[in-house]
Structure formats: C-alpha cells, structure tokens
Amino acid sequence: MNSTEDFRTAALRYAVDTALCAGHGRCYSLDPDHFDSDDVGYAVVLDRAESASRRAAMEDVVAACPEGAISIVEGPAGS
C-alpha cells in the first residue's frame, strides 16, 4: 500500500466525553487494549487506531456504556 492509499484508509478510535463518564469501568473491562482508568476510575482512552473491520466490536463497547460517554471517531490512517 502506498502513502496515498494509507491516507484514505479510515482509522477508528474511541473518544470519551469526560463530562458524561461516571467511572462504571465497563469500557476498560471489555476492551483493555483501548481503555485504562485514571486514579479515581474514570475512563482513559489509549491512543490506538483500528481498521474499519473492527467497527462492530467497537460499537459493542460503545453500547455497553450506561452513560453514553463513549463514541467512535473516524479519521485517516496514521493520524
């Protein structure tokens, strides 16, 4: 794959709305490769992009958040 193709390939990342997060911990229990917790138990997103093929698994984690604080953001690969 050349650099032009890399740029056009979507990379998916999680985002957490810290104003909504209540620290339930489901995100880092379900997907510890992408989430950690801070000193008081609130979600911290680890900077790791995934390909579009993982969208369904990521959407399961988003749906598991009782506060609706997690979303998926899409951008060019390598960003």
C-alpha atoms as a PDB file:
ATOM      1  CA  MET A   1       0.000   0.000   0.000  1.00  0.00           C
ATOM      2  CA  ASN A   2       1.415   3.409  -0.877  1.00  0.00           C
ATOM      3  CA  SER A   3       1.165   6.547   1.241  1.00  0.00           C
ATOM      4  CA  THR A   4      -1.823   7.880  -0.734  1.00  0.00           C
ATOM      5  CA  GLU A   5      -3.793   4.710   0.000  1.00  0.00           C
ATOM      6  CA  ASP A   6      -2.749   4.866   3.682  1.00  0.00           C
ATOM      7  CA  PHE A   7      -4.139   8.403   3.953  1.00  0.00           C
ATOM      8  CA  ARG A   8      -7.512   7.404   2.512  1.00  0.00           C
ATOM      9  CA  THR A   9      -7.897   4.341   4.713  1.00  0.00           C
ATOM     10  CA  ALA A  10     -10.118   5.080   7.683  1.00  0.00           C
ATOM     11  CA  ALA A  11      -8.766   4.567  11.162  1.00  0.00           C
ATOM     12  CA  LEU A  12     -11.219   4.205  14.031  1.00  0.00           C
ATOM     13  CA  ARG A  13     -10.558   5.419  17.559  1.00  0.00           C
ATOM     14  CA  TYR A  14     -12.627   5.696  20.683  1.00  0.00           C
ATOM     15  CA  ALA A  15     -13.432   9.008  22.334  1.00  0.00           C
ATOM     16  CA  VAL A  16     -14.821   9.543  25.839  1.00  0.00           C
ATOM     17  CA  ASP A  17     -16.921  12.506  26.894  1.00  0.00           C
ATOM     18  CA  THR A  18     -15.393  13.119  30.311  1.00  0.00           C
ATOM     19  CA  ALA A  19     -18.413  15.174  31.377  1.00  0.00           C
ATOM     20  CA  LEU A  20     -20.612  12.082  30.968  1.00  0.00           C
ATOM     21  CA  CYS A  21     -18.272   9.347  32.215  1.00  0.00           C
ATOM     22  CA  ALA A  22     -19.298   8.083  35.649  1.00  0.00           C
ATOM     23  CA  GLY A  23     -16.488   5.569  36.071  1.00  0.00           C
ATOM     24  CA  HIS A  24     -18.507   2.348  35.781  1.00  0.00           C
ATOM     25  CA  GLY A  25     -15.486   0.644  34.196  1.00  0.00           C
ATOM     26  CA  ARG A  26     -17.271  -1.413  31.584  1.00  0.00           C
ATOM     27  CA  CYS A  27     -15.107   0.009  28.809  1.00  0.00           C
ATOM     28  CA  TYR A  28     -11.781  -0.998  30.306  1.00  0.00           C
ATOM     29  CA  SER A  29     -13.202  -4.335  31.418  1.00  0.00           C
ATOM     30  CA  LEU A  30     -14.492  -5.102  27.920  1.00  0.00           C
ATOM     31  CA  ASP A  31     -11.606  -3.642  25.910  1.00  0.00           C
ATOM     32  CA  PRO A  32      -8.442  -3.227  27.989  1.00  0.00           C
ATOM     33  CA  ASP A  33      -6.366  -2.782  24.819  1.00  0.00           C
ATOM     34  CA  HIS A  34      -8.094   0.559  24.226  1.00  0.00           C
ATOM     35  CA  PHE A  35      -9.056   1.812  27.702  1.00  0.00           C
ATOM     36  CA  ASP A  36      -7.468   2.315  31.081  1.00  0.00           C
ATOM     37  CA  SER A  37      -8.688   4.107  34.177  1.00  0.00           C
ATOM     38  CA  ASP A  38      -7.404   7.206  35.890  1.00  0.00           C
ATOM     39  CA  ASP A  39      -6.700   7.424  39.632  1.00  0.00           C
ATOM     40  CA  VAL A  40     -10.397   7.665  40.504  1.00  0.00           C
ATOM     41  CA  GLY A  41     -11.738   5.115  37.998  1.00  0.00           C
ATOM     42  CA  TYR A  42     -12.786   7.248  35.062  1.00  0.00           C
ATOM     43  CA  ALA A  43     -12.073   6.031  31.530  1.00  0.00           C
ATOM     44  CA  VAL A  44      -8.883   6.993  29.746  1.00  0.00           C
ATOM     45  CA  VAL A  45      -8.629   6.176  26.035  1.00  0.00           C
ATOM     46  CA  LEU A  46      -5.344   4.629  24.959  1.00  0.00           C
ATOM     47  CA  ASP A  47      -4.206   6.034  21.621  1.00  0.00           C
ATOM     48  CA  ARG A  48      -4.652   3.027  19.381  1.00  0.00           C
ATOM     49  CA  ALA A  49      -6.347   3.106  15.996  1.00  0.00           C
ATOM     50  CA  GLU A  50      -8.229   0.189  14.495  1.00  0.00           C
ATOM     51  CA  SER A  51      -9.328  -0.662  10.973  1.00  0.00           C
ATOM     52  CA  ALA A  52     -12.928  -0.466   9.841  1.00  0.00           C
ATOM     53  CA  SER A  53     -13.166  -4.254  10.131  1.00  0.00           C
ATOM     54  CA  ARG A  54     -13.267  -3.830  13.949  1.00  0.00           C
ATOM     55  CA  ARG A  55     -16.191  -1.378  13.914  1.00  0.00           C
ATOM     56  CA  ALA A  56     -18.798  -3.919  15.094  1.00  0.00           C
ATOM     57  CA  ALA A  57     -16.708  -4.935  18.124  1.00  0.00           C
ATOM     58  CA  MET A  58     -16.058  -1.277  18.944  1.00  0.00           C
ATOM     59  CA  GLU A  59     -19.773  -0.482  18.664  1.00  0.00           C
ATOM     60  CA  ASP A  60     -20.466  -3.217  21.249  1.00  0.00           C
ATOM     61  CA  VAL A  61     -18.216  -1.373  23.715  1.00  0.00           C
ATOM     62  CA  VAL A  62     -19.926   1.930  22.896  1.00  0.00           C
ATOM     63  CA  ALA A  63     -23.335   0.333  23.529  1.00  0.00           C
ATOM     64  CA  ALA A  64     -22.166  -1.113  26.867  1.00  0.00           C
ATOM     65  CA  CYS A  65     -21.506   2.327  28.367  1.00  0.00           C
ATOM     66  CA  PRO A  66     -24.519   3.112  30.583  1.00  0.00           C
ATOM     67  CA  GLU A  67     -23.793   6.847  30.432  1.00  0.00           C
ATOM     68  CA  GLY A  68     -23.396   7.035  26.644  1.00  0.00           C
ATOM     69  CA  ALA A  69     -19.985   8.621  27.157  1.00  0.00           C
ATOM     70  CA  ILE A  70     -18.102   6.622  24.505  1.00  0.00           C
ATOM     71  CA  SER A  71     -18.113   7.282  20.786  1.00  0.00           C
ATOM     72  CA  ILE A  72     -16.111   6.184  17.760  1.00  0.00           C
ATOM     73  CA  VAL A  73     -14.269   8.777  15.726  1.00  0.00           C
ATOM     74  CA  GLU A  74     -13.034   8.146  12.214  1.00  0.00           C
ATOM     75  CA  GLY A  75     -10.059   9.710  10.553  1.00  0.00           C
ATOM     76  CA  PRO A  76      -7.305   8.966   8.093  1.00  0.00           C
ATOM     77  CA  ALA A  77      -4.927   6.171   8.995  1.00  0.00           C
ATOM     78  CA  GLY A  78      -1.748   7.381  10.610  1.00  0.00           C
ATOM     79  CA  SER A  79      -3.399  10.454  12.128  1.00  0.00           C
END
